[in-house]
C-alpha atoms as a PDB file:
ATOM      1  CA  MET A   1       0.016  -0.004  -0.023  1.00  0.00           C
ATOM      2  CA  ILE A   2       2.825   2.378   0.569  1.00  0.00           C
ATOM      3  CA  GLN A   3       3.795   1.885  -3.053  1.00  0.00           C
ATOM      4  CA  LEU A   4       0.398   3.357  -3.945  1.00  0.00           C
ATOM      5  CA  LEU A   5       1.039   6.377  -1.827  1.00  0.00           C
ATOM      6  CA  PHE A   6       4.427   6.989  -3.205  1.00  0.00           C
ATOM      7  CA  ALA A   7       3.057   6.596  -6.835  1.00  0.00           C
ATOM      8  CA  LEU A   8       0.402   9.142  -6.114  1.00  0.00           C
ATOM      9  CA  LEU A   9       3.026  11.561  -4.627  1.00  0.00           C
ATOM     10  CA  ALA A  10       5.260  11.058  -7.717  1.00  0.00           C
ATOM     11  CA  ALA A  11       2.277  11.769 -10.058  1.00  0.00           C
ATOM     12  CA  GLU A  12       1.421  14.884  -8.184  1.00  0.00           C
ATOM     13  CA  THR A  13       5.067  15.995  -8.287  1.00  0.00           C
ATOM     14  CA  ALA A  14       5.207  15.322 -11.998  1.00  0.00           C
ATOM     15  CA  LEU A  15       2.088  17.397 -12.628  1.00  0.00           C
ATOM     16  CA  ALA A  16       3.433  20.258 -10.537  1.00  0.00           C
ATOM     17  CA  LEU A  17       6.665  20.241 -12.437  1.00  0.00           C
ATOM     18  CA  ALA A  18       4.839  20.079 -15.725  1.00  0.00           C
ATOM     19  CA  LEU A  19       2.798  23.095 -14.651  1.00  0.00           C
ATOM     20  CA  LEU A  20       5.726  24.992 -13.241  1.00  0.00           C
ATOM     21  CA  PHE A  21       8.004  24.959 -16.267  1.00  0.00           C
ATOM     22  CA  CYS A  22       7.016  25.771 -19.850  1.00  0.00           C
ATOM     23  CA  MET A  23       7.736  22.449 -21.414  1.00  0.00           C
ATOM     24  CA  PRO A  24       5.731  20.359 -24.049  1.00  0.00           C
ATOM     25  CA  MET A  25       3.947  18.655 -21.218  1.00  0.00           C
ATOM     26  CA  HIS A  26       2.808  22.031 -19.948  1.00  0.00           C
ATOM     27  CA  ARG A  27       0.036  22.386 -22.514  1.00  0.00           C
ATOM     28  CA  LEU A  28      -1.202  18.737 -22.220  1.00  0.00           C
ATOM     29  CA  ALA A  29      -1.336  19.096 -18.303  1.00  0.00           C
ATOM     30  CA  LEU A  30      -3.334  22.236 -18.702  1.00  0.00           C
ATOM     31  CA  LEU A  31      -5.685  20.525 -21.140  1.00  0.00           C
ATOM     32  CA  ALA A  32      -6.135  17.597 -18.829  1.00  0.00           C
ATOM     33  CA  ILE A  33      -6.890  19.771 -15.864  1.00  0.00           C
ATOM     34  CA  ASP A  34      -9.352  21.840 -17.862  1.00  0.00           C
ATOM     35  CA  ARG A  35     -11.158  18.772 -19.019  1.00  0.00           C
ATOM     36  CA  THR A  36     -11.553  17.392 -15.539  1.00  0.00           C
ATOM     37  CA  LYS A  37     -12.954  20.675 -14.294  1.00  0.00           C
ATOM     38  CA  ARG A  38     -15.767  20.399 -16.883  1.00  0.00           C
ATOM     39  CA  ARG A  39     -18.919  18.478 -16.545  1.00  0.00           C
ATOM     40  CA  ARG A  40     -18.844  15.516 -14.079  1.00  0.00           C
ATOM     41  CA  GLY A  41     -15.115  15.608 -13.493  1.00  0.00           C
ATOM     42  CA  PRO A  42     -15.029  17.276 -10.120  1.00  0.00           C
ATOM     43  CA  ILE A  43     -17.749  14.913  -8.706  1.00  0.00           C
ATOM     44  CA  MET A  44     -15.958  11.846 -10.103  1.00  0.00           C
ATOM     45  CA  ALA A  45     -12.611  13.056  -8.944  1.00  0.00           C
ATOM     46  CA  LYS A  46     -13.968  13.679  -5.294  1.00  0.00           C
ATOM     47  CA  THR A  47     -15.655  10.345  -5.291  1.00  0.00           C
ATOM     48  CA  VAL A  48     -12.609   8.420  -6.357  1.00  0.00           C
ATOM     49  CA  ALA A  49     -10.306  10.383  -3.941  1.00  0.00           C
ATOM     50  CA  GLY A  50     -12.682   9.822  -0.992  1.00  0.00           C
ATOM     51  CA  THR A  51     -13.059   6.073  -1.804  1.00  0.00           C
ATOM     52  CA  MET A  52      -9.263   5.679  -2.061  1.00  0.00           C
ATOM     53  CA  LEU A  53      -8.659   7.576   1.283  1.00  0.00           C
ATOM     54  CA  LEU A  54     -11.270   5.513   2.990  1.00  0.00           C
ATOM     55  CA  VAL A  55      -9.866   2.220   1.836  1.00  0.00           C
ATOM     56  CA  LEU A  56      -6.309   3.350   2.812  1.00  0.00           C
ATOM     57  CA  VAL A  57      -7.346   4.575   6.170  1.00  0.00           C
ATOM     58  CA  VAL A  58      -9.440   1.567   7.133  1.00  0.00           C
ATOM     59  CA  SER A  59      -6.717  -0.801   6.006  1.00  0.00           C
ATOM     60  CA  THR A  60      -4.015   1.028   7.882  1.00  0.00           C
ATOM     61  CA  GLY A  61      -6.195   1.189  11.022  1.00  0.00           C
ATOM     62  CA  TYR A  62      -7.119  -2.418  10.827  1.00  0.00           C
ATOM     63  CA  SER A  63      -3.493  -3.462  10.535  1.00  0.00           C
ATOM     64  CA  ILE A  64      -2.380  -1.184  13.451  1.00  0.00           C
ATOM     65  CA  ALA A  65      -5.295  -2.662  15.543  1.00  0.00           C
ATOM     66  CA  LYS A  66      -4.274  -6.199  14.730  1.00  0.00           C
ATOM     67  CA  ILE A  67      -0.618  -5.633  15.916  1.00  0.00           C
ATOM     68  CA  ARG A  68      -2.084  -3.979  19.070  1.00  0.00           C
ATOM     69  CA  ARG A  69      -4.253  -7.074  19.745  1.00  0.00           C
ATOM     70  CA  ARG A  70      -1.108  -9.321  19.169  1.00  0.00           C
ATOM     71  CA  ALA A  71       0.909  -7.187  21.548  1.00  0.00           C
ATOM     72  CA  GLY A  72      -1.863  -7.478  24.162  1.00  0.00           C
ATOM     73  CA  GLU A  73      -1.882 -11.235  23.937  1.00  0.00           C
ATOM     74  CA  LEU A  74       1.923 -11.586  24.149  1.00  0.00           C
ATOM     75  CA  GLY A  75       2.535  -8.786  26.573  1.00  0.00           C
ATOM     76  CA  LEU A  76       5.143  -7.126  24.433  1.00  0.00           C
ATOM     77  CA  LEU A  77       5.953  -6.347  20.871  1.00  0.00           C
ATOM     78  CA  THR A  78       8.204  -8.739  18.923  1.00  0.00           C
ATOM     79  CA  PRO A  79      10.904  -7.010  16.767  1.00  0.00           C
ATOM     80  CA  THR A  80       8.944  -8.013  13.630  1.00  0.00           C
ATOM     81  CA  ASP A  81       5.808  -6.363  15.103  1.00  0.00           C
ATOM     82  CA  GLN A  82       7.725  -3.241  15.910  1.00  0.00           C
ATOM     83  CA  VAL A  83       8.964  -2.922  12.202  1.00  0.00           C
ATOM     84  CA  LEU A  84       5.443  -3.580  10.902  1.00  0.00           C
ATOM     85  CA  ALA A  85       3.879  -1.087  13.281  1.00  0.00           C
ATOM     86  CA  SER A  86       6.424   1.589  12.296  1.00  0.00           C
ATOM     87  CA  ARG A  87       5.675   1.036   8.669  1.00  0.00           C
ATOM     88  CA  TYR A  88       1.830   1.285   9.173  1.00  0.00           C
ATOM     89  CA  ILE A  89       2.356   4.480  11.272  1.00  0.00           C
ATOM     90  CA  LEU A  90       4.539   5.824   8.398  1.00  0.00           C
ATOM     91  CA  GLU A  91       1.667   5.128   6.000  1.00  0.00           C
ATOM     92  CA  ALA A  92      -0.829   6.822   8.188  1.00  0.00           C
ATOM     93  CA  SER A  93       1.394   9.854   8.572  1.00  0.00           C
ATOM     94  CA  LEU A  94       1.816  10.033   4.815  1.00  0.00           C
ATOM     95  CA  MET A  95      -1.902  10.159   4.420  1.00  0.00           C
ATOM     96  CA  GLY A  96      -2.027  12.902   7.026  1.00  0.00           C
ATOM     97  CA  ILE A  97      -3.826  10.860   9.672  1.00  0.00           C
ATOM     98  CA  TYR A  98      -2.714  10.774  13.222  1.00  0.00           C
ATOM     99  CA  ALA A  99      -1.855   7.227  14.411  1.00  0.00           C
ATOM    100  CA  PRO A 100      -1.214   6.973  18.094  1.00  0.00           C
ATOM    101  CA  SER A 101       1.917   5.166  19.064  1.00  0.00           C
ATOM    102  CA  LEU A 102       1.822   1.523  20.180  1.00  0.00           C
ATOM    103  CA  SER A 103       3.571   2.338  23.454  1.00  0.00           C
ATOM    104  CA  ALA A 104       0.582   4.424  24.631  1.00  0.00           C
ATOM    105  CA  SER A 105      -1.613   1.331  25.086  1.00  0.00           C
END
């Protein structure tokens, strides 16, 4: 899932660079943005963005909760669980969502 986040960030960066500098891609980027702003583009973009965000948030939250439950059963986190938990917290922070640390439980 983190690959999807990085792919999205790379696409946003490429679009920003295409709009920033006057290159051959500048005109194509402007045309694409103009077309998405017409008709049903904004509604569809908001729906897709909301659905993706919901899926990513629920998946990350579920994974963090699963690790917390495992930590509760064992009494402590294994090194593997610590690495997995840090990865899921990184994913949540990249999405802009606060994920409480596992040591707080």
